[in-house]
């Protein structure tokens, strides 16, 4: 699970982005953080328990993608759409791996890692925008 410094950094970044969303975000950012944290825990738990790691990762990716698409529905903010797009890239990468489409392991892992960071950066951008909106409403409402 956390066998390398890069994996530890990724888990720390996931925790940081999720904490920021829970503290400063609205319900939409909190839901996105909870969704992504749950997918991370479930995928790593299934990887540890199962010999079918690629399948379990792809299933959690698909469920996470569905969750981000639901968050996109009638959202006035762009971050869920960006998160869903990055999650779609991760999901399609997993599906290509299951279909044995010839992709080098390096390219496969690079796209999975970049798409995960893309989702987290979209979540952070949405969180900071929500915090800024809250601050503006609070300042504007107190005058």
C-alpha atoms as a PDB file:
ATOM      1  CA  UNK A   1       0.000   0.000   0.000  1.00  0.00           C
ATOM      2  CA  UNK A   2       2.539   2.648   1.092  1.00  0.00           C
ATOM      3  CA  UNK A   3       5.714   1.019  -0.178  1.00  0.00           C
ATOM      4  CA  UNK A   4       7.456   4.073  -1.575  1.00  0.00           C
ATOM      5  CA  UNK A   5       8.003   7.727  -0.719  1.00  0.00           C
ATOM      6  CA  UNK A   6       5.813   8.665  -3.703  1.00  0.00           C
ATOM      7  CA  UNK A   7       2.929   6.572  -2.326  1.00  0.00           C
ATOM      8  CA  UNK A   8       3.347   8.166   1.102  1.00  0.00           C
ATOM      9  CA  UNK A   9       3.363  11.638  -0.465  1.00  0.00           C
ATOM     10  CA  UNK A  10       0.226  10.797  -2.457  1.00  0.00           C
ATOM     11  CA  UNK A  11      -1.602   9.573   0.654  1.00  0.00           C
ATOM     12  CA  UNK A  12      -0.515  12.682   2.574  1.00  0.00           C
ATOM     13  CA  UNK A  13      -1.737  14.917  -0.264  1.00  0.00           C
ATOM     14  CA  UNK A  14      -5.065  13.060  -0.292  1.00  0.00           C
ATOM     15  CA  UNK A  15      -5.447  13.600   3.459  1.00  0.00           C
ATOM     16  CA  UNK A  16      -4.451  17.273   3.157  1.00  0.00           C
ATOM     17  CA  UNK A  17      -6.902  17.961   0.310  1.00  0.00           C
ATOM     18  CA  UNK A  18      -9.683  16.129   2.130  1.00  0.00           C
ATOM     19  CA  UNK A  19      -9.084  17.969   5.397  1.00  0.00           C
ATOM     20  CA  UNK A  20      -9.125  21.298   3.568  1.00  0.00           C
ATOM     21  CA  UNK A  21     -12.415  20.331   1.903  1.00  0.00           C
ATOM     22  CA  UNK A  22     -13.968  19.243   5.203  1.00  0.00           C
ATOM     23  CA  UNK A  23     -12.855  22.415   6.990  1.00  0.00           C
ATOM     24  CA  UNK A  24     -13.326  25.113   4.342  1.00  0.00           C
ATOM     25  CA  UNK A  25     -15.600  23.607   1.704  1.00  0.00           C
ATOM     26  CA  UNK A  26     -19.335  23.499   1.206  1.00  0.00           C
ATOM     27  CA  UNK A  27     -21.388  20.306   1.127  1.00  0.00           C
ATOM     28  CA  UNK A  28     -20.275  19.650  -2.448  1.00  0.00           C
ATOM     29  CA  UNK A  29     -16.534  19.751  -1.623  1.00  0.00           C
ATOM     30  CA  UNK A  30     -17.086  17.680   1.509  1.00  0.00           C
ATOM     31  CA  UNK A  31     -18.993  15.069  -0.496  1.00  0.00           C
ATOM     32  CA  UNK A  32     -16.231  14.957  -3.109  1.00  0.00           C
ATOM     33  CA  UNK A  33     -13.570  14.512  -0.436  1.00  0.00           C
ATOM     34  CA  UNK A  34     -15.560  11.800   1.348  1.00  0.00           C
ATOM     35  CA  UNK A  35     -16.157  10.037  -1.957  1.00  0.00           C
ATOM     36  CA  UNK A  36     -12.491  10.068  -2.932  1.00  0.00           C
ATOM     37  CA  UNK A  37     -11.292   9.037   0.534  1.00  0.00           C
ATOM     38  CA  UNK A  38     -13.757   6.153   0.592  1.00  0.00           C
ATOM     39  CA  UNK A  39     -12.673   5.031  -2.882  1.00  0.00           C
ATOM     40  CA  UNK A  40      -9.012   5.140  -1.800  1.00  0.00           C
ATOM     41  CA  UNK A  41      -9.675   3.083   1.332  1.00  0.00           C
ATOM     42  CA  UNK A  42     -11.885   0.556  -0.467  1.00  0.00           C
ATOM     43  CA  UNK A  43      -9.484   0.153  -3.416  1.00  0.00           C
ATOM     44  CA  UNK A  44      -6.483  -0.380  -1.145  1.00  0.00           C
ATOM     45  CA  UNK A  45      -8.456  -2.710   1.121  1.00  0.00           C
ATOM     46  CA  UNK A  46      -9.587  -4.794  -1.831  1.00  0.00           C
ATOM     47  CA  UNK A  47      -6.045  -4.840  -3.200  1.00  0.00           C
ATOM     48  CA  UNK A  48      -4.822  -6.199   0.099  1.00  0.00           C
ATOM     49  CA  UNK A  49      -7.590  -8.814   0.373  1.00  0.00           C
ATOM     50  CA  UNK A  50      -7.936  -9.835  -3.246  1.00  0.00           C
ATOM     51  CA  UNK A  51      -5.740 -11.242  -5.963  1.00  0.00           C
ATOM     52  CA  UNK A  52      -7.780  -9.299  -8.552  1.00  0.00           C
ATOM     53  CA  UNK A  53      -6.216  -5.901  -7.926  1.00  0.00           C
ATOM     54  CA  UNK A  54      -6.861  -4.412 -11.373  1.00  0.00           C
ATOM     55  CA  UNK A  55     -10.542  -5.351 -11.302  1.00  0.00           C
ATOM     56  CA  UNK A  56     -11.128  -3.998  -7.791  1.00  0.00           C
ATOM     57  CA  UNK A  57      -9.359  -0.741  -8.658  1.00  0.00           C
ATOM     58  CA  UNK A  58     -11.417  -0.342 -11.835  1.00  0.00           C
ATOM     59  CA  UNK A  59     -14.694  -1.012 -10.016  1.00  0.00           C
ATOM     60  CA  UNK A  60     -13.917   1.621  -7.381  1.00  0.00           C
ATOM     61  CA  UNK A  61     -12.872   4.019 -10.164  1.00  0.00           C
ATOM     62  CA  UNK A  62     -16.220   3.503 -11.910  1.00  0.00           C
ATOM     63  CA  UNK A  63     -18.151   4.094  -8.676  1.00  0.00           C
ATOM     64  CA  UNK A  64     -16.084   7.198  -7.957  1.00  0.00           C
ATOM     65  CA  UNK A  65     -16.722   8.472 -11.494  1.00  0.00           C
ATOM     66  CA  UNK A  66     -20.476   8.019 -10.997  1.00  0.00           C
ATOM     67  CA  UNK A  67     -20.224   9.988  -7.758  1.00  0.00           C
ATOM     68  CA  UNK A  68     -18.381  12.881  -9.423  1.00  0.00           C
ATOM     69  CA  UNK A  69     -20.900  12.928 -12.289  1.00  0.00           C
ATOM     70  CA  UNK A  70     -23.675  13.220  -9.688  1.00  0.00           C
ATOM     71  CA  UNK A  71     -21.777  16.108  -8.066  1.00  0.00           C
ATOM     72  CA  UNK A  72     -21.579  17.755 -11.510  1.00  0.00           C
ATOM     73  CA  UNK A  73     -25.327  17.627 -11.921  1.00  0.00           C
ATOM     74  CA  UNK A  74     -26.611  21.208 -11.787  1.00  0.00           C
ATOM     75  CA  UNK A  75     -23.424  22.377 -10.108  1.00  0.00           C
ATOM     76  CA  UNK A  76     -22.759  26.098 -10.472  1.00  0.00           C
ATOM     77  CA  UNK A  77     -19.066  25.433  -9.952  1.00  0.00           C
ATOM     78  CA  UNK A  78     -16.616  23.963 -12.469  1.00  0.00           C
ATOM     79  CA  UNK A  79     -14.440  21.852 -10.166  1.00  0.00           C
ATOM     80  CA  UNK A  80     -16.700  18.728 -10.137  1.00  0.00           C
ATOM     81  CA  UNK A  81     -16.558  18.627 -13.931  1.00  0.00           C
ATOM     82  CA  UNK A  82     -12.753  18.753 -13.847  1.00  0.00           C
ATOM     83  CA  UNK A  83     -12.661  16.072 -11.155  1.00  0.00           C
ATOM     84  CA  UNK A  84     -15.008  13.883 -13.202  1.00  0.00           C
ATOM     85  CA  UNK A  85     -12.810  14.351 -16.274  1.00  0.00           C
ATOM     86  CA  UNK A  86      -9.677  13.280 -14.422  1.00  0.00           C
ATOM     87  CA  UNK A  87     -11.586  10.387 -12.874  1.00  0.00           C
ATOM     88  CA  UNK A  88     -12.752   9.351 -16.344  1.00  0.00           C
ATOM     89  CA  UNK A  89      -9.109   9.210 -17.463  1.00  0.00           C
ATOM     90  CA  UNK A  90      -8.293   6.971 -14.502  1.00  0.00           C
ATOM     91  CA  UNK A  91     -11.311   4.760 -15.171  1.00  0.00           C
ATOM     92  CA  UNK A  92     -10.510   4.344 -18.868  1.00  0.00           C
ATOM     93  CA  UNK A  93      -6.889   3.538 -18.022  1.00  0.00           C
ATOM     94  CA  UNK A  94      -8.078   0.751 -15.735  1.00  0.00           C
ATOM     95  CA  UNK A  95     -10.461  -0.566 -18.380  1.00  0.00           C
ATOM     96  CA  UNK A  96      -7.643  -0.583 -20.954  1.00  0.00           C
ATOM     97  CA  UNK A  97      -5.547  -2.555 -18.484  1.00  0.00           C
ATOM     98  CA  UNK A  98      -8.324  -5.097 -18.015  1.00  0.00           C
ATOM     99  CA  UNK A  99      -8.765  -5.450 -21.780  1.00  0.00           C
ATOM    100  CA  UNK A 100      -5.033  -6.150 -22.137  1.00  0.00           C
ATOM    101  CA  UNK A 101      -4.536  -3.264 -24.507  1.00  0.00           C
ATOM    102  CA  UNK A 102      -0.813  -2.999 -24.967  1.00  0.00           C
ATOM    103  CA  UNK A 103       0.283  -0.112 -22.789  1.00  0.00           C
ATOM    104  CA  UNK A 104       3.605  -0.013 -21.037  1.00  0.00           C
ATOM    105  CA  UNK A 105       3.466  -0.319 -17.263  1.00  0.00           C
ATOM    106  CA  UNK A 106       5.232   3.050 -16.953  1.00  0.00           C
ATOM    107  CA  UNK A 107       2.593   4.826 -19.073  1.00  0.00           C
ATOM    108  CA  UNK A 108      -0.217   3.068 -17.223  1.00  0.00           C
ATOM    109  CA  UNK A 109       1.062   4.068 -13.778  1.00  0.00           C
ATOM    110  CA  UNK A 110       1.907   7.604 -14.904  1.00  0.00           C
ATOM    111  CA  UNK A 111      -1.638   8.235 -16.136  1.00  0.00           C
ATOM    112  CA  UNK A 112      -3.175   6.762 -12.992  1.00  0.00           C
ATOM    113  CA  UNK A 113      -1.002   8.965 -10.781  1.00  0.00           C
ATOM    114  CA  UNK A 114      -1.555  12.116 -12.835  1.00  0.00           C
ATOM    115  CA  UNK A 115      -5.311  11.605 -12.923  1.00  0.00           C
ATOM    116  CA  UNK A 116      -5.406  11.111  -9.145  1.00  0.00           C
ATOM    117  CA  UNK A 117      -3.487  14.347  -8.597  1.00  0.00           C
ATOM    118  CA  UNK A 118      -5.802  16.046 -11.098  1.00  0.00           C
ATOM    119  CA  UNK A 119      -8.863  15.026  -9.081  1.00  0.00           C
ATOM    120  CA  UNK A 120      -7.249  16.264  -5.859  1.00  0.00           C
ATOM    121  CA  UNK A 121      -6.160  19.565  -7.410  1.00  0.00           C
ATOM    122  CA  UNK A 122      -9.681  20.128  -8.760  1.00  0.00           C
ATOM    123  CA  UNK A 123     -11.048  19.421  -5.282  1.00  0.00           C
ATOM    124  CA  UNK A 124      -8.579  21.873  -3.724  1.00  0.00           C
ATOM    125  CA  UNK A 125      -9.434  24.548  -6.289  1.00  0.00           C
ATOM    126  CA  UNK A 126     -13.129  24.086  -5.520  1.00  0.00           C
ATOM    127  CA  UNK A 127     -12.431  24.218  -1.795  1.00  0.00           C
ATOM    128  CA  UNK A 128     -10.460  27.459  -2.011  1.00  0.00           C
ATOM    129  CA  UNK A 129     -13.133  29.008  -4.244  1.00  0.00           C
ATOM    130  CA  UNK A 130     -15.848  27.981  -1.764  1.00  0.00           C
ATOM    131  CA  UNK A 131     -13.861  29.426   1.138  1.00  0.00           C
ATOM    132  CA  UNK A 132     -13.424  32.681  -0.771  1.00  0.00           C
ATOM    133  CA  UNK A 133     -17.162  32.836  -1.535  1.00  0.00           C
ATOM    134  CA  UNK A 134     -17.996  32.195   2.125  1.00  0.00           C
ATOM    135  CA  UNK A 135     -15.597  34.944   3.217  1.00  0.00           C
ATOM    136  CA  UNK A 136     -17.056  37.414   0.709  1.00  0.00           C
ATOM    137  CA  UNK A 137     -20.603  36.618   1.832  1.00  0.00           C
ATOM    138  CA  UNK A 138     -19.593  36.978   5.466  1.00  0.00           C
ATOM    139  CA  UNK A 139     -17.839  40.296   4.871  1.00  0.00           C
ATOM    140  CA  UNK A 140     -20.629  41.571   2.613  1.00  0.00           C
ATOM    141  CA  UNK A 141     -23.324  40.462   5.066  1.00  0.00           C
ATOM    142  CA  UNK A 142     -21.762  42.226   8.065  1.00  0.00           C
ATOM    143  CA  UNK A 143     -21.820  45.694   6.504  1.00  0.00           C
END
